[in-house]
Amino acid sequence: LGDGVAWEGAQAAGDDVAVHWLNL
């Protein structure tokens, strides 16, 4: 199922990504 959804993409490993939790 996963924990959330990446709000915006990330170009590479280590980039910051905002996660919208599935339980919100």
PDB file of all heavy atoms in Angstrom:
ATOM      1  N   LEU A   1       0.840  -1.196   0.000  1.00  0.00           N
ATOM      2  CA  LEU A   1       0.000   0.000   0.000  1.00  0.00           C
ATOM      3  C   LEU A   1       0.874   1.244   0.000  1.00  0.00           C
ATOM      4  O   LEU A   1       0.632   2.195  -0.746  1.00  0.00           O
ATOM      5  CB  LEU A   1      -0.921  -0.002   1.225  1.00  0.00           C
ATOM      6  CG  LEU A   1      -1.779   1.238   1.433  1.00  0.00           C
ATOM      7  CD1 LEU A   1      -2.747   1.437   0.274  1.00  0.00           C
ATOM      8  CD2 LEU A   1      -2.526   1.144   2.755  1.00  0.00           C
ATOM      9  N   GLY A   2       1.922   1.253   0.822  1.00  0.00           N
ATOM     10  CA  GLY A   2       2.779   2.421   0.967  1.00  0.00           C
ATOM     11  C   GLY A   2       2.359   3.245   2.172  1.00  0.00           C
ATOM     12  O   GLY A   2       1.358   2.956   2.834  1.00  0.00           O
ATOM     13  N   ASP A   3       3.133   4.278   2.451  1.00  0.00           N
ATOM     14  CA  ASP A   3       2.875   5.156   3.587  1.00  0.00           C
ATOM     15  C   ASP A   3       2.287   6.492   3.163  1.00  0.00           C
ATOM     16  O   ASP A   3       1.609   7.153   3.948  1.00  0.00           O
ATOM     17  CB  ASP A   3       4.180   5.420   4.352  1.00  0.00           C
ATOM     18  CG  ASP A   3       4.773   4.145   4.908  1.00  0.00           C
ATOM     19  OD1 ASP A   3       4.025   3.343   5.499  1.00  0.00           O
ATOM     20  OD2 ASP A   3       5.989   3.942   4.746  1.00  0.00           O
ATOM     21  N   GLY A   4       2.587   6.921   1.962  1.00  0.00           N
ATOM     22  CA  GLY A   4       2.124   8.224   1.507  1.00  0.00           C
ATOM     23  C   GLY A   4       2.344   8.387   0.023  1.00  0.00           C
ATOM     24  O   GLY A   4       2.635   7.426  -0.686  1.00  0.00           O
ATOM     25  N   VAL A   5       2.224   9.641  -0.426  1.00  0.00           N
ATOM     26  CA  VAL A   5       2.389   9.970  -1.839  1.00  0.00           C
ATOM     27  C   VAL A   5       3.437  11.073  -1.953  1.00  0.00           C
ATOM     28  O   VAL A   5       3.374  12.071  -1.219  1.00  0.00           O
ATOM     29  CB  VAL A   5       1.047  10.435  -2.451  1.00  0.00           C
ATOM     30  CG1 VAL A   5       1.233  10.985  -3.859  1.00  0.00           C
ATOM     31  CG2 VAL A   5       0.044   9.291  -2.469  1.00  0.00           C
ATOM     32  N   ALA A   6       4.398  10.895  -2.846  1.00  0.00           N
ATOM     33  CA  ALA A   6       5.401  11.931  -3.106  1.00  0.00           C
ATOM     34  C   ALA A   6       4.687  13.105  -3.764  1.00  0.00           C
ATOM     35  O   ALA A   6       4.126  12.961  -4.849  1.00  0.00           O
ATOM     36  CB  ALA A   6       6.506  11.395  -4.011  1.00  0.00           C
ATOM     37  N   TRP A   7       4.678  14.245  -3.078  1.00  0.00           N
ATOM     38  CA  TRP A   7       3.928  15.396  -3.577  1.00  0.00           C
ATOM     39  C   TRP A   7       4.538  15.917  -4.865  1.00  0.00           C
ATOM     40  O   TRP A   7       3.835  16.259  -5.796  1.00  0.00           O
ATOM     41  CB  TRP A   7       3.889  16.469  -2.502  1.00  0.00           C
ATOM     42  CG  TRP A   7       2.649  17.278  -2.570  1.00  0.00           C
ATOM     43  CD1 TRP A   7       2.571  18.618  -2.815  1.00  0.00           C
ATOM     44  CD2 TRP A   7       1.306  16.834  -2.409  1.00  0.00           C
ATOM     45  NE1 TRP A   7       1.262  19.018  -2.808  1.00  0.00           N
ATOM     46  CE2 TRP A   7       0.459  17.941  -2.563  1.00  0.00           C
ATOM     47  CE3 TRP A   7       0.733  15.594  -2.151  1.00  0.00           C
ATOM     48  CZ2 TRP A   7      -0.918  17.848  -2.473  1.00  0.00           C
ATOM     49  CZ3 TRP A   7      -0.646  15.504  -2.055  1.00  0.00           C
ATOM     50  CH2 TRP A   7      -1.452  16.629  -2.215  1.00  0.00           C
ATOM     51  N   GLU A   8       5.850  16.002  -4.897  1.00  0.00           N
ATOM     52  CA  GLU A   8       6.567  16.378  -6.108  1.00  0.00           C
ATOM     53  C   GLU A   8       7.632  15.320  -6.341  1.00  0.00           C
ATOM     54  O   GLU A   8       8.003  14.599  -5.428  1.00  0.00           O
ATOM     55  CB  GLU A   8       7.208  17.750  -5.958  1.00  0.00           C
ATOM     56  CG  GLU A   8       6.189  18.864  -5.815  1.00  0.00           C
ATOM     57  CD  GLU A   8       6.822  20.229  -5.643  1.00  0.00           C
ATOM     58  OE1 GLU A   8       8.065  20.305  -5.468  1.00  0.00           O
ATOM     59  OE2 GLU A   8       6.073  21.213  -5.656  1.00  0.00           O
ATOM     60  N   GLY A   9       8.140  15.231  -7.537  1.00  0.00           N
ATOM     61  CA  GLY A   9       9.144  14.230  -7.833  1.00  0.00           C
ATOM     62  C   GLY A   9      10.508  14.582  -7.270  1.00  0.00           C
ATOM     63  O   GLY A   9      10.726  15.679  -6.754  1.00  0.00           O
ATOM     64  N   ALA A  10      11.423  13.648  -7.338  1.00  0.00           N
ATOM     65  CA  ALA A  10      12.815  13.839  -6.944  1.00  0.00           C
ATOM     66  C   ALA A  10      13.678  13.401  -8.116  1.00  0.00           C
ATOM     67  O   ALA A  10      13.477  12.321  -8.660  1.00  0.00           O
ATOM     68  CB  ALA A  10      13.130  13.015  -5.700  1.00  0.00           C
ATOM     69  N   GLN A  11      14.623  14.249  -8.505  1.00  0.00           N
ATOM     70  CA  GLN A  11      15.484  13.944  -9.647  1.00  0.00           C
ATOM     71  C   GLN A  11      16.449  12.796  -9.369  1.00  0.00           C
ATOM     72  O   GLN A  11      16.798  12.051 -10.270  1.00  0.00           O
ATOM     73  CB  GLN A  11      16.274  15.189 -10.061  1.00  0.00           C
ATOM     74  CG  GLN A  11      15.407  16.308 -10.583  1.00  0.00           C
ATOM     75  CD  GLN A  11      14.738  15.945 -11.895  1.00  0.00           C
ATOM     76  OE1 GLN A  11      15.359  15.354 -12.778  1.00  0.00           O
ATOM     77  NE2 GLN A  11      13.473  16.272 -12.025  1.00  0.00           N
ATOM     78  N   ALA A  12      16.873  12.675  -8.096  1.00  0.00           N
ATOM     79  CA  ALA A  12      17.866  11.659  -7.757  1.00  0.00           C
ATOM     80  C   ALA A  12      17.768  11.297  -6.282  1.00  0.00           C
ATOM     81  O   ALA A  12      17.149  12.015  -5.494  1.00  0.00           O
ATOM     82  CB  ALA A  12      19.271  12.189  -8.058  1.00  0.00           C
ATOM     83  N   ALA A  13      18.385  10.188  -5.924  1.00  0.00           N
ATOM     84  CA  ALA A  13      18.457   9.794  -4.518  1.00  0.00           C
ATOM     85  C   ALA A  13      19.115  10.916  -3.723  1.00  0.00           C
ATOM     86  O   ALA A  13      20.056  11.551  -4.189  1.00  0.00           O
ATOM     87  CB  ALA A  13      19.260   8.507  -4.376  1.00  0.00           C
ATOM     88  N   GLY A  14      18.576  11.181  -2.540  1.00  0.00           N
ATOM     89  CA  GLY A  14      19.105  12.231  -1.686  1.00  0.00           C
ATOM     90  C   GLY A  14      18.354  13.548  -1.805  1.00  0.00           C
ATOM     91  O   GLY A  14      18.429  14.384  -0.912  1.00  0.00           O
ATOM     92  N   ASP A  15      17.640  13.768  -2.908  1.00  0.00           N
ATOM     93  CA  ASP A  15      16.834  14.986  -3.046  1.00  0.00           C
ATOM     94  C   ASP A  15      15.690  14.957  -2.030  1.00  0.00           C
ATOM     95  O   ASP A  15      15.166  13.887  -1.715  1.00  0.00           O
ATOM     96  CB  ASP A  15      16.225  15.089  -4.451  1.00  0.00           C
ATOM     97  CG  ASP A  15      17.242  15.408  -5.529  1.00  0.00           C
ATOM     98  OD1 ASP A  15      18.409  15.700  -5.194  1.00  0.00           O
ATOM     99  OD2 ASP A  15      16.861  15.356  -6.717  1.00  0.00           O
ATOM    100  N   ASP A  16      15.308  16.120  -1.532  1.00  0.00           N
ATOM    101  CA  ASP A  16      14.181  16.207  -0.613  1.00  0.00           C
ATOM    102  C   ASP A  16      12.865  16.023  -1.358  1.00  0.00           C
ATOM    103  O   ASP A  16      12.701  16.526  -2.481  1.00  0.00           O
ATOM    104  CB  ASP A  16      14.160  17.565   0.095  1.00  0.00           C
ATOM    105  CG  ASP A  16      15.218  17.679   1.176  1.00  0.00           C
ATOM    106  OD1 ASP A  16      15.717  16.640   1.639  1.00  0.00           O
ATOM    107  OD2 ASP A  16      15.535  18.817   1.555  1.00  0.00           O
ATOM    108  N   VAL A  17      11.947  15.299  -0.724  1.00  0.00           N
ATOM    109  CA  VAL A  17      10.620  15.096  -1.302  1.00  0.00           C
ATOM    110  C   VAL A  17       9.589  15.191  -0.176  1.00  0.00           C
ATOM    111  O   VAL A  17       9.767  14.614   0.893  1.00  0.00           O
ATOM    112  CB  VAL A  17      10.525  13.746  -2.060  1.00  0.00           C
ATOM    113  CG1 VAL A  17      10.787  12.564  -1.166  1.00  0.00           C
ATOM    114  CG2 VAL A  17       9.201  13.604  -2.765  1.00  0.00           C
ATOM    115  N   ALA A  18       8.537  15.968  -0.416  1.00  0.00           N
ATOM    116  CA  ALA A  18       7.443  16.087   0.547  1.00  0.00           C
ATOM    117  C   ALA A  18       6.506  14.901   0.373  1.00  0.00           C
ATOM    118  O   ALA A  18       6.108  14.566  -0.744  1.00  0.00           O
ATOM    119  CB  ALA A  18       6.681  17.396   0.342  1.00  0.00           C
ATOM    120  N   VAL A  19       6.166  14.269   1.485  1.00  0.00           N
ATOM    121  CA  VAL A  19       5.290  13.103   1.460  1.00  0.00           C
ATOM    122  C   VAL A  19       3.962  13.462   2.113  1.00  0.00           C
ATOM    123  O   VAL A  19       3.918  13.941   3.242  1.00  0.00           O
ATOM    124  CB  VAL A  19       5.943  11.915   2.202  1.00  0.00           C
ATOM    125  CG1 VAL A  19       4.982  10.728   2.291  1.00  0.00           C
ATOM    126  CG2 VAL A  19       7.231  11.509   1.511  1.00  0.00           C
ATOM    127  N   HIS A  20       2.876  13.246   1.377  1.00  0.00           N
ATOM    128  CA  HIS A  20       1.518  13.424   1.894  1.00  0.00           C
ATOM    129  C   HIS A  20       1.074  12.055   2.416  1.00  0.00           C
ATOM    130  O   HIS A  20       0.962  11.102   1.657  1.00  0.00           O
ATOM    131  CB  HIS A  20       0.588  13.892   0.770  1.00  0.00           C
ATOM    132  CG  HIS A  20      -0.828  14.077   1.190  1.00  0.00           C
ATOM    133  ND1 HIS A  20      -1.303  15.289   1.626  1.00  0.00           N
ATOM    134  CD2 HIS A  20      -1.863  13.215   1.254  1.00  0.00           C
ATOM    135  CE1 HIS A  20      -2.576  15.167   1.941  1.00  0.00           C
ATOM    136  NE2 HIS A  20      -2.941  13.915   1.718  1.00  0.00           N
ATOM    137  N   TRP A  21       0.869  11.944   3.726  1.00  0.00           N
ATOM    138  CA  TRP A  21       0.516  10.660   4.337  1.00  0.00           C
ATOM    139  C   TRP A  21      -0.839  10.163   3.858  1.00  0.00           C
ATOM    140  O   TRP A  21      -1.772  10.944   3.668  1.00  0.00           O
ATOM    141  CB  TRP A  21       0.508  10.781   5.860  1.00  0.00           C
ATOM    142  CG  TRP A  21       1.829  11.192   6.397  1.00  0.00           C
ATOM    143  CD1 TRP A  21       2.122  12.360   7.030  1.00  0.00           C
ATOM    144  CD2 TRP A  21       3.053  10.465   6.328  1.00  0.00           C
ATOM    145  NE1 TRP A  21       3.451  12.396   7.354  1.00  0.00           N
ATOM    146  CE2 TRP A  21       4.047  11.245   6.938  1.00  0.00           C
ATOM    147  CE3 TRP A  21       3.409   9.233   5.800  1.00  0.00           C
ATOM    148  CZ2 TRP A  21       5.367  10.823   7.040  1.00  0.00           C
ATOM    149  CZ3 TRP A  21       4.724   8.812   5.914  1.00  0.00           C
ATOM    150  CH2 TRP A  21       5.679   9.603   6.527  1.00  0.00           C
ATOM    151  N   LEU A  22      -0.970   8.867   3.684  1.00  0.00           N
ATOM    152  CA  LEU A  22      -2.230   8.283   3.224  1.00  0.00           C
ATOM    153  C   LEU A  22      -3.342   8.378   4.256  1.00  0.00           C
ATOM    154  O   LEU A  22      -4.508   8.285   3.906  1.00  0.00           O
ATOM    155  CB  LEU A  22      -2.027   6.809   2.823  1.00  0.00           C
ATOM    156  CG  LEU A  22      -1.155   6.573   1.590  1.00  0.00           C
ATOM    157  CD1 LEU A  22      -1.045   5.089   1.301  1.00  0.00           C
ATOM    158  CD2 LEU A  22      -1.695   7.315   0.382  1.00  0.00           C
ATOM    159  N   ASN A  23      -2.988   8.585   5.537  1.00  0.00           N
ATOM    160  CA  ASN A  23      -4.030   8.647   6.561  1.00  0.00           C
ATOM    161  C   ASN A  23      -4.538  10.068   6.810  1.00  0.00           C
ATOM    162  O   ASN A  23      -5.374  10.268   7.687  1.00  0.00           O
ATOM    163  CB  ASN A  23      -3.535   8.025   7.875  1.00  0.00           C
ATOM    164  CG  ASN A  23      -2.410   8.814   8.515  1.00  0.00           C
ATOM    165  OD1 ASN A  23      -1.760   9.628   7.864  1.00  0.00           O
ATOM    166  ND2 ASN A  23      -2.170   8.564   9.789  1.00  0.00           N
ATOM    167  N   LEU A  24      -4.059  11.054   6.046  1.00  0.00           N
ATOM    168  CA  LEU A  24      -4.558  12.418   6.206  1.00  0.00           C
ATOM    169  C   LEU A  24      -5.965  12.519   5.611  1.00  0.00           C
ATOM    170  O   LEU A  24      -6.306  11.785   4.687  1.00  0.00           O
ATOM    171  CB  LEU A  24      -3.628  13.421   5.517  1.00  0.00           C
ATOM    172  CG  LEU A  24      -2.263  13.596   6.163  1.00  0.00           C
ATOM    173  CD1 LEU A  24      -1.388  14.525   5.310  1.00  0.00           C
ATOM    174  CD2 LEU A  24      -2.401  14.163   7.567  1.00  0.00           C
TER     175      LEU A  24
END
